[in-house]
Amino acid sequence: MPDRKKLGMIAGDGMMPVEIIKHCNATGRELFVIGLEPFANEEALKDAPHIFAKIAEAGKMIMALKKNNVHEIVLAGGIKRPSFKEMIPDWEGLKIIAKLAMKKMSDDNLFRVVMDQIEERGFKVVGVEEVMPEMLFSAGIYGRHKPSDEDIDDINRGITVAKALGAVDVGQAVVVQEGMVLAVEAIEGTDMMLSRAAMLKKEGKAPVLIKILKPGQDRRVDLPAIGLQTIKTLKRYGMKGIAVEAGNILLIEREAVIQLADREGIFILGVKIEN
């Protein structure tokens, strides 16, 4: 039986908020959404009760969540880290900025401070996988295409490198071709990393992308995800496939992603990684 506690969603851009709205509507779970400006859009949120707020308007968010009798809150969708100058805070938002000023302003710190402020007001913040566990990758091959033995070697190499990067909070993705690390993810994000890798790849077997969870990453607010755009980007830059950490990466629009990967000749692999 589905959990009937009313869910609040703080939504950014992309398809993940849409998937959660569809899931709640299908299962009968009550939902109230706060769309973060300027990332969320009206069209994506049209099938759920919602308002819009800026990331530093914590007071506005908390008041709306209380008014709508929300118990649990999930953060879904992408946002870009704003600068302090871009933040126009309300009183609760000033507390967030004060806490951020005492820390490195990383994405993780930003998300954690916002979520901590919300939890201090009596709400429970949950991860996307707690709302939709079926969105998590499991181990195995998705679709028709399989990695070769050489691809598996590159995947193992990439996992080793990605774990080392994650340990120092640099990134969570790596591109490998025939044992060579073509690119590692830093602040620029996965798409730009893939564009750099495409400029460096050589003739022969196409490169592969490896994506894992950083150690200590807050699962409530920032689980990595792949979706249709990921497959399109892999195709654009000549990548052969992607390997992701099973149990720690989200797959958005599962059936559509698998169908596109099958058409484009790209493999998708969930890998169980031992710590």
C-alpha atoms as a PDB file:
ATOM      1  CA  MET A   1       0.000   0.000   0.000  1.00  0.00           C
ATOM      2  CA  PRO A   2       1.488   3.394  -0.948  1.00  0.00           C
ATOM      3  CA  ASP A   3       2.582   5.842   1.733  1.00  0.00           C
ATOM      4  CA  ARG A   4      -0.279   8.337   2.195  1.00  0.00           C
ATOM      5  CA  LYS A   5       1.727  11.071   3.944  1.00  0.00           C
ATOM      6  CA  LYS A   6       1.439  14.257   1.929  1.00  0.00           C
ATOM      7  CA  LEU A   7       4.570  14.883  -0.090  1.00  0.00           C
ATOM      8  CA  GLY A   8       6.123  18.234  -0.885  1.00  0.00           C
ATOM      9  CA  MET A   9       8.493  18.541  -3.840  1.00  0.00           C
ATOM     10  CA  ILE A  10      11.041  21.309  -4.388  1.00  0.00           C
ATOM     11  CA  ALA A  11      11.484  21.156  -8.148  1.00  0.00           C
ATOM     12  CA  GLY A  12      14.235  22.255 -10.492  1.00  0.00           C
ATOM     13  CA  ASP A  13      14.400  21.677 -14.242  1.00  0.00           C
ATOM     14  CA  GLY A  14      14.377  18.467 -16.257  1.00  0.00           C
ATOM     15  CA  MET A  15      12.027  15.484 -16.349  1.00  0.00           C
ATOM     16  CA  MET A  16      12.469  14.137 -12.819  1.00  0.00           C
ATOM     17  CA  PRO A  17       9.801  16.429 -11.296  1.00  0.00           C
ATOM     18  CA  VAL A  18       7.435  15.392 -14.089  1.00  0.00           C
ATOM     19  CA  GLU A  19       8.039  11.706 -13.335  1.00  0.00           C
ATOM     20  CA  ILE A  20       7.322  12.231  -9.637  1.00  0.00           C
ATOM     21  CA  ILE A  21       4.117  14.132 -10.392  1.00  0.00           C
ATOM     22  CA  LYS A  22       2.982  11.281 -12.672  1.00  0.00           C
ATOM     23  CA  HIS A  23       3.852   8.714  -9.995  1.00  0.00           C
ATOM     24  CA  CYS A  24       1.931  10.546  -7.259  1.00  0.00           C
ATOM     25  CA  ASN A  25      -1.093  11.058  -9.486  1.00  0.00           C
ATOM     26  CA  ALA A  26      -1.076   7.369 -10.466  1.00  0.00           C
ATOM     27  CA  THR A  27      -0.743   6.100  -6.876  1.00  0.00           C
ATOM     28  CA  GLY A  28      -3.054   8.628  -5.296  1.00  0.00           C
ATOM     29  CA  ARG A  29      -0.416  10.227  -3.101  1.00  0.00           C
ATOM     30  CA  GLU A  30      -1.122  13.886  -2.310  1.00  0.00           C
ATOM     31  CA  LEU A  31       1.554  16.248  -3.601  1.00  0.00           C
ATOM     32  CA  PHE A  32       2.361  19.949  -3.359  1.00  0.00           C
ATOM     33  CA  VAL A  33       5.176  21.436  -5.443  1.00  0.00           C
ATOM     34  CA  ILE A  34       7.443  24.450  -5.061  1.00  0.00           C
ATOM     35  CA  GLY A  35       9.079  25.278  -8.381  1.00  0.00           C
ATOM     36  CA  LEU A  36      12.497  26.908  -7.957  1.00  0.00           C
ATOM     37  CA  GLU A  37      12.866  29.997 -10.141  1.00  0.00           C
ATOM     38  CA  PRO A  38      14.214  30.282 -12.790  1.00  0.00           C
ATOM     39  CA  PHE A  39      14.763  26.530 -13.228  1.00  0.00           C
ATOM     40  CA  ALA A  40      11.289  24.984 -12.966  1.00  0.00           C
ATOM     41  CA  ASN A  41       8.623  25.880 -15.515  1.00  0.00           C
ATOM     42  CA  GLU A  42       4.842  26.031 -15.514  1.00  0.00           C
ATOM     43  CA  GLU A  43       4.364  23.345 -18.156  1.00  0.00           C
ATOM     44  CA  ALA A  44       6.314  20.737 -16.167  1.00  0.00           C
ATOM     45  CA  LEU A  45       4.325  21.395 -12.985  1.00  0.00           C
ATOM     46  CA  LYS A  46       0.866  21.867 -14.485  1.00  0.00           C
ATOM     47  CA  ASP A  47      -0.514  18.543 -13.215  1.00  0.00           C
ATOM     48  CA  ALA A  48       0.132  19.283  -9.520  1.00  0.00           C
ATOM     49  CA  PRO A  49      -0.758  22.115  -7.111  1.00  0.00           C
ATOM     50  CA  HIS A  50       2.263  24.414  -7.055  1.00  0.00           C
ATOM     51  CA  ILE A  51       3.818  27.806  -6.436  1.00  0.00           C
ATOM     52  CA  PHE A  52       7.161  29.290  -7.495  1.00  0.00           C
ATOM     53  CA  ALA A  53       9.932  30.638  -5.245  1.00  0.00           C
ATOM     54  CA  LYS A  54      13.583  31.618  -5.485  1.00  0.00           C
ATOM     55  CA  ILE A  55      16.157  29.458  -3.729  1.00  0.00           C
ATOM     56  CA  ALA A  56      16.836  32.074  -1.017  1.00  0.00           C
ATOM     57  CA  GLU A  57      13.126  32.540  -0.241  1.00  0.00           C
ATOM     58  CA  ALA A  58      13.192  29.876   2.440  1.00  0.00           C
ATOM     59  CA  GLY A  59      10.526  31.597   4.517  1.00  0.00           C
ATOM     60  CA  LYS A  60       8.106  31.622   1.584  1.00  0.00           C
ATOM     61  CA  MET A  61       8.769  27.928   0.986  1.00  0.00           C
ATOM     62  CA  ILE A  62       8.336  26.909   4.628  1.00  0.00           C
ATOM     63  CA  MET A  63       5.105  28.880   4.971  1.00  0.00           C
ATOM     64  CA  ALA A  64       3.651  27.280   1.822  1.00  0.00           C
ATOM     65  CA  LEU A  65       4.667  23.775   2.920  1.00  0.00           C
ATOM     66  CA  LYS A  66       3.032  24.244   6.324  1.00  0.00           C
ATOM     67  CA  LYS A  67      -0.109  25.751   4.811  1.00  0.00           C
ATOM     68  CA  ASN A  68      -0.460  22.729   2.543  1.00  0.00           C
ATOM     69  CA  ASN A  69       0.044  20.221   5.382  1.00  0.00           C
ATOM     70  CA  VAL A  70       3.149  18.640   3.881  1.00  0.00           C
ATOM     71  CA  HIS A  71       4.972  16.020   5.972  1.00  0.00           C
ATOM     72  CA  GLU A  72       7.805  14.797   3.739  1.00  0.00           C
ATOM     73  CA  ILE A  73       9.825  16.721   1.161  1.00  0.00           C
ATOM     74  CA  VAL A  74      11.765  15.548  -1.872  1.00  0.00           C
ATOM     75  CA  LEU A  75      14.174  17.640  -3.968  1.00  0.00           C
ATOM     76  CA  ALA A  76      14.004  16.762  -7.666  1.00  0.00           C
ATOM     77  CA  GLY A  77      15.415  18.242 -10.851  1.00  0.00           C
ATOM     78  CA  GLY A  78      18.463  20.290 -11.708  1.00  0.00           C
ATOM     79  CA  ILE A  79      19.453  23.726 -10.480  1.00  0.00           C
ATOM     80  CA  LYS A  80      22.524  25.805 -11.141  1.00  0.00           C
ATOM     81  CA  ARG A  81      24.355  27.169  -8.163  1.00  0.00           C
ATOM     82  CA  PRO A  82      23.582  30.903  -7.832  1.00  0.00           C
ATOM     83  CA  SER A  83      26.111  33.493  -6.755  1.00  0.00           C
ATOM     84  CA  PHE A  84      25.530  35.431  -3.547  1.00  0.00           C
ATOM     85  CA  LYS A  85      24.712  38.504  -5.674  1.00  0.00           C
ATOM     86  CA  GLU A  86      21.923  36.602  -7.427  1.00  0.00           C
ATOM     87  CA  MET A  87      20.236  35.690  -4.143  1.00  0.00           C
ATOM     88  CA  ILE A  88      17.484  38.015  -2.917  1.00  0.00           C
ATOM     89  CA  PRO A  89      16.684  36.443   0.434  1.00  0.00           C
ATOM     90  CA  ASP A  90      13.798  36.689   2.816  1.00  0.00           C
ATOM     91  CA  TRP A  91      14.481  36.420   6.566  1.00  0.00           C
ATOM     92  CA  GLU A  92      14.874  32.623   6.536  1.00  0.00           C
ATOM     93  CA  GLY A  93      16.975  32.906   3.392  1.00  0.00           C
ATOM     94  CA  LEU A  94      19.374  35.231   5.209  1.00  0.00           C
ATOM     95  CA  LYS A  95      20.103  32.382   7.622  1.00  0.00           C
ATOM     96  CA  ILE A  96      20.990  30.132   4.683  1.00  0.00           C
ATOM     97  CA  ILE A  97      23.358  32.717   3.211  1.00  0.00           C
ATOM     98  CA  ALA A  98      24.995  33.251   6.612  1.00  0.00           C
ATOM     99  CA  LYS A  99      25.647  29.517   6.914  1.00  0.00           C
ATOM    100  CA  LEU A 100      26.954  29.296   3.347  1.00  0.00           C
ATOM    101  CA  ALA A 101      29.327  32.180   3.988  1.00  0.00           C
ATOM    102  CA  MET A 102      31.051  30.030   6.599  1.00  0.00           C
ATOM    103  CA  LYS A 103      31.500  27.101   4.201  1.00  0.00           C
ATOM    104  CA  LYS A 104      32.812  26.375   0.745  1.00  0.00           C
ATOM    105  CA  MET A 105      29.886  27.183  -1.534  1.00  0.00           C
ATOM    106  CA  SER A 106      29.758  23.801  -3.246  1.00  0.00           C
ATOM    107  CA  ASP A 107      26.548  22.352  -4.665  1.00  0.00           C
ATOM    108  CA  ASP A 108      26.479  19.821  -1.823  1.00  0.00           C
ATOM    109  CA  ASN A 109      26.778  22.544   0.827  1.00  0.00           C
ATOM    110  CA  LEU A 110      24.050  24.633  -0.811  1.00  0.00           C
ATOM    111  CA  PHE A 111      21.608  21.728  -0.950  1.00  0.00           C
ATOM    112  CA  ARG A 112      22.413  20.528   2.558  1.00  0.00           C
ATOM    113  CA  VAL A 113      21.975  23.938   4.157  1.00  0.00           C
ATOM    114  CA  VAL A 114      18.617  24.457   2.433  1.00  0.00           C
ATOM    115  CA  MET A 115      17.432  20.985   3.469  1.00  0.00           C
ATOM    116  CA  ASP A 116      18.735  21.398   7.025  1.00  0.00           C
ATOM    117  CA  GLN A 117      16.778  24.648   7.379  1.00  0.00           C
ATOM    118  CA  ILE A 118      13.640  22.876   6.225  1.00  0.00           C
ATOM    119  CA  GLU A 119      14.157  19.895   8.552  1.00  0.00           C
ATOM    120  CA  GLU A 120      14.661  22.253  11.496  1.00  0.00           C
ATOM    121  CA  ARG A 121      11.060  23.342  10.899  1.00  0.00           C
ATOM    122  CA  GLY A 122       9.750  19.808  11.466  1.00  0.00           C
ATOM    123  CA  PHE A 123       9.673  18.385   7.935  1.00  0.00           C
ATOM    124  CA  LYS A 124      11.377  15.163   6.871  1.00  0.00           C
ATOM    125  CA  VAL A 125      13.534  15.332   3.729  1.00  0.00           C
ATOM    126  CA  VAL A 126      13.523  12.088   1.726  1.00  0.00           C
ATOM    127  CA  GLY A 127      15.465  10.940  -1.322  1.00  0.00           C
ATOM    128  CA  VAL A 128      13.896  10.415  -4.748  1.00  0.00           C
ATOM    129  CA  GLU A 129      14.508   6.670  -4.376  1.00  0.00           C
ATOM    130  CA  GLU A 130      12.301   6.642  -1.276  1.00  0.00           C
ATOM    131  CA  VAL A 131       9.435   8.094  -3.314  1.00  0.00           C
ATOM    132  CA  MET A 132      10.102   6.055  -6.473  1.00  0.00           C
ATOM    133  CA  PRO A 133      12.442   3.127  -5.675  1.00  0.00           C
ATOM    134  CA  GLU A 134      11.909   1.765  -9.194  1.00  0.00           C
ATOM    135  CA  MET A 135      13.872   4.751 -10.542  1.00  0.00           C
ATOM    136  CA  LEU A 136      17.142   3.412  -9.075  1.00  0.00           C
ATOM    137  CA  PHE A 137      19.480   1.476 -11.352  1.00  0.00           C
ATOM    138  CA  SER A 138      19.924  -2.203 -10.598  1.00  0.00           C
ATOM    139  CA  ALA A 139      22.878  -4.316 -11.755  1.00  0.00           C
ATOM    140  CA  GLY A 140      22.683  -5.610 -15.318  1.00  0.00           C
ATOM    141  CA  ILE A 141      22.293  -4.622 -18.962  1.00  0.00           C
ATOM    142  CA  TYR A 142      19.510  -2.290 -20.059  1.00  0.00           C
ATOM    143  CA  GLY A 143      18.456  -2.820 -23.662  1.00  0.00           C
ATOM    144  CA  ARG A 144      19.854  -4.832 -26.561  1.00  0.00           C
ATOM    145  CA  HIS A 145      23.467  -3.681 -26.652  1.00  0.00           C
ATOM    146  CA  LYS A 146      26.167  -5.206 -24.465  1.00  0.00           C
ATOM    147  CA  PRO A 147      29.663  -3.975 -23.575  1.00  0.00           C
ATOM    148  CA  SER A 148      32.593  -5.936 -25.003  1.00  0.00           C
ATOM    149  CA  ASP A 149      35.413  -7.383 -22.913  1.00  0.00           C
ATOM    150  CA  GLU A 150      37.467  -4.308 -23.842  1.00  0.00           C
ATOM    151  CA  ASP A 151      34.635  -2.059 -22.686  1.00  0.00           C
ATOM    152  CA  ILE A 152      34.539  -3.913 -19.355  1.00  0.00           C
ATOM    153  CA  ASP A 153      38.269  -3.233 -18.938  1.00  0.00           C
ATOM    154  CA  ASP A 154      37.636   0.481 -19.553  1.00  0.00           C
ATOM    155  CA  ILE A 155      34.715   0.440 -17.123  1.00  0.00           C
ATOM    156  CA  ASN A 156      36.864  -1.113 -14.385  1.00  0.00           C
ATOM    157  CA  ARG A 157      39.559   1.476 -15.029  1.00  0.00           C
ATOM    158  CA  GLY A 158      36.976   4.255 -14.896  1.00  0.00           C
ATOM    159  CA  ILE A 159      35.506   3.013 -11.613  1.00  0.00           C
ATOM    160  CA  THR A 160      38.954   3.098  -9.990  1.00  0.00           C
ATOM    161  CA  VAL A 161      39.546   6.666 -11.182  1.00  0.00           C
ATOM    162  CA  ALA A 162      36.037   7.874 -10.348  1.00  0.00           C
ATOM    163  CA  LYS A 163      36.288   6.526  -6.793  1.00  0.00           C
ATOM    164  CA  ALA A 164      39.561   8.407  -6.321  1.00  0.00           C
ATOM    165  CA  LEU A 165      38.019  11.625  -7.678  1.00  0.00           C
ATOM    166  CA  GLY A 166      34.958  11.282  -5.494  1.00  0.00           C
ATOM    167  CA  ALA A 167      37.085  10.795  -2.396  1.00  0.00           C
ATOM    168  CA  VAL A 168      38.439  14.332  -2.823  1.00  0.00           C
ATOM    169  CA  ASP A 169      35.028  15.761  -3.868  1.00  0.00           C
ATOM    170  CA  VAL A 170      36.043  16.571  -7.457  1.00  0.00           C
ATOM    171  CA  GLY A 171      33.452  14.799  -9.587  1.00  0.00           C
ATOM    172  CA  GLN A 172      31.596  11.588 -10.197  1.00  0.00           C
ATOM    173  CA  ALA A 173      32.122  10.746 -13.870  1.00  0.00           C
ATOM    174  CA  VAL A 174      35.030   9.658 -16.089  1.00  0.00           C
ATOM    175  CA  VAL A 175      35.501   8.924 -19.807  1.00  0.00           C
ATOM    176  CA  VAL A 176      37.897   6.102 -20.699  1.00  0.00           C
ATOM    177  CA  GLN A 177      39.105   4.800 -24.077  1.00  0.00           C
ATOM    178  CA  GLU A 178      41.308   1.715 -24.315  1.00  0.00           C
ATOM    179  CA  GLY A 179      42.629   2.267 -20.800  1.00  0.00           C
ATOM    180  CA  MET A 180      43.294   5.989 -21.265  1.00  0.00           C
ATOM    181  CA  VAL A 181      41.394   8.498 -19.147  1.00  0.00           C
ATOM    182  CA  LEU A 182      40.234  11.105 -21.665  1.00  0.00           C
ATOM    183  CA  ALA A 183      38.375  13.357 -19.253  1.00  0.00           C
ATOM    184  CA  VAL A 184      37.192  13.606 -15.657  1.00  0.00           C
ATOM    185  CA  GLU A 185      34.212  15.564 -14.440  1.00  0.00           C
ATOM    186  CA  ALA A 186      34.793  18.723 -12.444  1.00  0.00           C
ATOM    187  CA  ILE A 187      32.565  21.761 -11.932  1.00  0.00           C
ATOM    188  CA  GLU A 188      31.631  21.983 -15.644  1.00  0.00           C
ATOM    189  CA  GLY A 189      29.276  18.976 -15.517  1.00  0.00           C
ATOM    190  CA  THR A 190      28.962  15.792 -17.544  1.00  0.00           C
ATOM    191  CA  ASP A 191      27.956  17.283 -20.913  1.00  0.00           C
ATOM    192  CA  MET A 192      30.953  19.598 -21.147  1.00  0.00           C
ATOM    193  CA  MET A 193      33.236  16.824 -19.945  1.00  0.00           C
ATOM    194  CA  LEU A 194      31.985  14.630 -22.809  1.00  0.00           C
ATOM    195  CA  SER A 195      32.637  17.412 -25.329  1.00  0.00           C
ATOM    196  CA  ARG A 196      36.254  17.635 -24.112  1.00  0.00           C
ATOM    197  CA  ALA A 197      36.629  13.864 -24.294  1.00  0.00           C
ATOM    198  CA  ALA A 198      35.346  13.872 -27.884  1.00  0.00           C
ATOM    199  CA  MET A 199      38.152  16.225 -28.918  1.00  0.00           C
ATOM    200  CA  LEU A 200      40.758  13.893 -27.403  1.00  0.00           C
ATOM    201  CA  LYS A 201      39.511  10.478 -28.484  1.00  0.00           C
ATOM    202  CA  LYS A 202      41.552   8.498 -30.979  1.00  0.00           C
ATOM    203  CA  GLU A 203      40.661   6.055 -33.757  1.00  0.00           C
ATOM    204  CA  GLY A 204      39.566   2.610 -32.655  1.00  0.00           C
ATOM    205  CA  LYS A 205      37.137   1.456 -30.008  1.00  0.00           C
ATOM    206  CA  ALA A 206      34.781   4.203 -28.916  1.00  0.00           C
ATOM    207  CA  PRO A 207      35.130   5.587 -25.367  1.00  0.00           C
ATOM    208  CA  VAL A 208      32.785   4.781 -22.485  1.00  0.00           C
ATOM    209  CA  LEU A 209      31.338   6.959 -19.722  1.00  0.00           C
ATOM    210  CA  ILE A 210      31.440   5.793 -16.102  1.00  0.00           C
ATOM    211  CA  LYS A 211      29.275   7.520 -13.482  1.00  0.00           C
ATOM    212  CA  ILE A 212      29.223   6.712  -9.753  1.00  0.00           C
ATOM    213  CA  LEU A 213      28.148   8.270  -6.466  1.00  0.00           C
ATOM    214  CA  LYS A 214      30.694  10.338  -4.559  1.00  0.00           C
ATOM    215  CA  PRO A 215      31.501   8.993  -1.079  1.00  0.00           C
ATOM    216  CA  GLY A 216      29.551  10.903   1.543  1.00  0.00           C
ATOM    217  CA  GLN A 217      27.197  12.460  -1.000  1.00  0.00           C
ATOM    218  CA  ASP A 218      23.846  13.357   0.543  1.00  0.00           C
ATOM    219  CA  ARG A 219      21.373  10.911  -1.013  1.00  0.00           C
ATOM    220  CA  ARG A 220      18.437  13.109  -0.032  1.00  0.00           C
ATOM    221  CA  VAL A 221      19.317  15.958  -2.321  1.00  0.00           C
ATOM    222  CA  ASP A 222      21.724  15.092  -5.086  1.00  0.00           C
ATOM    223  CA  LEU A 223      21.641  11.532  -6.418  1.00  0.00           C
ATOM    224  CA  PRO A 224      23.117  11.517  -9.938  1.00  0.00           C
ATOM    225  CA  ALA A 225      20.680  10.696 -12.734  1.00  0.00           C
ATOM    226  CA  ILE A 226      20.693   9.849 -16.424  1.00  0.00           C
ATOM    227  CA  GLY A 227      17.885  10.379 -18.897  1.00  0.00           C
ATOM    228  CA  LEU A 228      17.164  10.934 -22.577  1.00  0.00           C
ATOM    229  CA  GLN A 229      19.546  13.882 -22.797  1.00  0.00           C
ATOM    230  CA  THR A 230      22.376  11.663 -21.537  1.00  0.00           C
ATOM    231  CA  ILE A 231      21.874   9.183 -24.394  1.00  0.00           C
ATOM    232  CA  LYS A 232      21.627  11.972 -26.972  1.00  0.00           C
ATOM    233  CA  THR A 233      24.852  13.494 -25.662  1.00  0.00           C
ATOM    234  CA  LEU A 234      26.669  10.146 -25.709  1.00  0.00           C
ATOM    235  CA  LYS A 235      25.647   9.688 -29.348  1.00  0.00           C
ATOM    236  CA  ARG A 236      26.620  13.239 -30.312  1.00  0.00           C
ATOM    237  CA  TYR A 237      30.139  12.820 -28.947  1.00  0.00           C
ATOM    238  CA  GLY A 238      30.772   9.307 -30.244  1.00  0.00           C
ATOM    239  CA  MET A 239      30.636   7.360 -26.975  1.00  0.00           C
ATOM    240  CA  LYS A 240      29.924   3.639 -27.047  1.00  0.00           C
ATOM    241  CA  GLY A 241      27.996   3.385 -23.819  1.00  0.00           C
ATOM    242  CA  ILE A 242      27.608   4.205 -20.158  1.00  0.00           C
ATOM    243  CA  ALA A 243      28.207   2.245 -16.957  1.00  0.00           C
ATOM    244  CA  VAL A 244      26.570   3.500 -13.757  1.00  0.00           C
ATOM    245  CA  GLU A 245      26.697   2.454 -10.133  1.00  0.00           C
ATOM    246  CA  ALA A 246      23.750   0.188  -9.361  1.00  0.00           C
ATOM    247  CA  GLY A 247      21.730   1.290  -6.352  1.00  0.00           C
ATOM    248  CA  ASN A 248      23.121   4.827  -6.409  1.00  0.00           C
ATOM    249  CA  ILE A 249      22.136   6.350  -9.783  1.00  0.00           C
ATOM    250  CA  LEU A 250      18.642   7.270 -10.979  1.00  0.00           C
ATOM    251  CA  LEU A 251      17.195   6.449 -14.396  1.00  0.00           C
ATOM    252  CA  ILE A 252      14.587   8.943 -15.594  1.00  0.00           C
ATOM    253  CA  GLU A 253      12.039   7.892 -18.260  1.00  0.00           C
ATOM    254  CA  ARG A 254      13.321   4.317 -18.224  1.00  0.00           C
ATOM    255  CA  GLU A 255      11.487   2.887 -21.241  1.00  0.00           C
ATOM    256  CA  ALA A 256      12.148   5.901 -23.470  1.00  0.00           C
ATOM    257  CA  VAL A 257      15.851   5.887 -22.520  1.00  0.00           C
ATOM    258  CA  ILE A 258      16.243   2.178 -23.312  1.00  0.00           C
ATOM    259  CA  GLN A 259      14.443   2.546 -26.637  1.00  0.00           C
ATOM    260  CA  LEU A 260      16.657   5.464 -27.667  1.00  0.00           C
ATOM    261  CA  ALA A 261      19.835   3.654 -26.606  1.00  0.00           C
ATOM    262  CA  ASP A 262      18.761   0.609 -28.631  1.00  0.00           C
ATOM    263  CA  ARG A 263      18.196   2.754 -31.724  1.00  0.00           C
ATOM    264  CA  GLU A 264      21.502   4.570 -31.338  1.00  0.00           C
ATOM    265  CA  GLY A 265      23.614   1.468 -30.648  1.00  0.00           C
ATOM    266  CA  ILE A 266      24.587   2.551 -27.126  1.00  0.00           C
ATOM    267  CA  PHE A 267      24.915   0.154 -24.195  1.00  0.00           C
ATOM    268  CA  ILE A 268      23.694   0.950 -20.676  1.00  0.00           C
ATOM    269  CA  LEU A 269      25.105  -1.082 -17.803  1.00  0.00           C
ATOM    270  CA  GLY A 270      24.372  -1.035 -14.090  1.00  0.00           C
ATOM    271  CA  VAL A 271      27.395  -2.170 -12.077  1.00  0.00           C
ATOM    272  CA  LYS A 272      27.497  -3.187  -8.447  1.00  0.00           C
ATOM    273  CA  ILE A 273      30.527  -1.476  -6.909  1.00  0.00           C
ATOM    274  CA  GLU A 274      32.163  -2.707  -3.725  1.00  0.00           C
ATOM    275  CA  ASN A 275      33.492  -0.017  -1.417  1.00  0.00           C
END
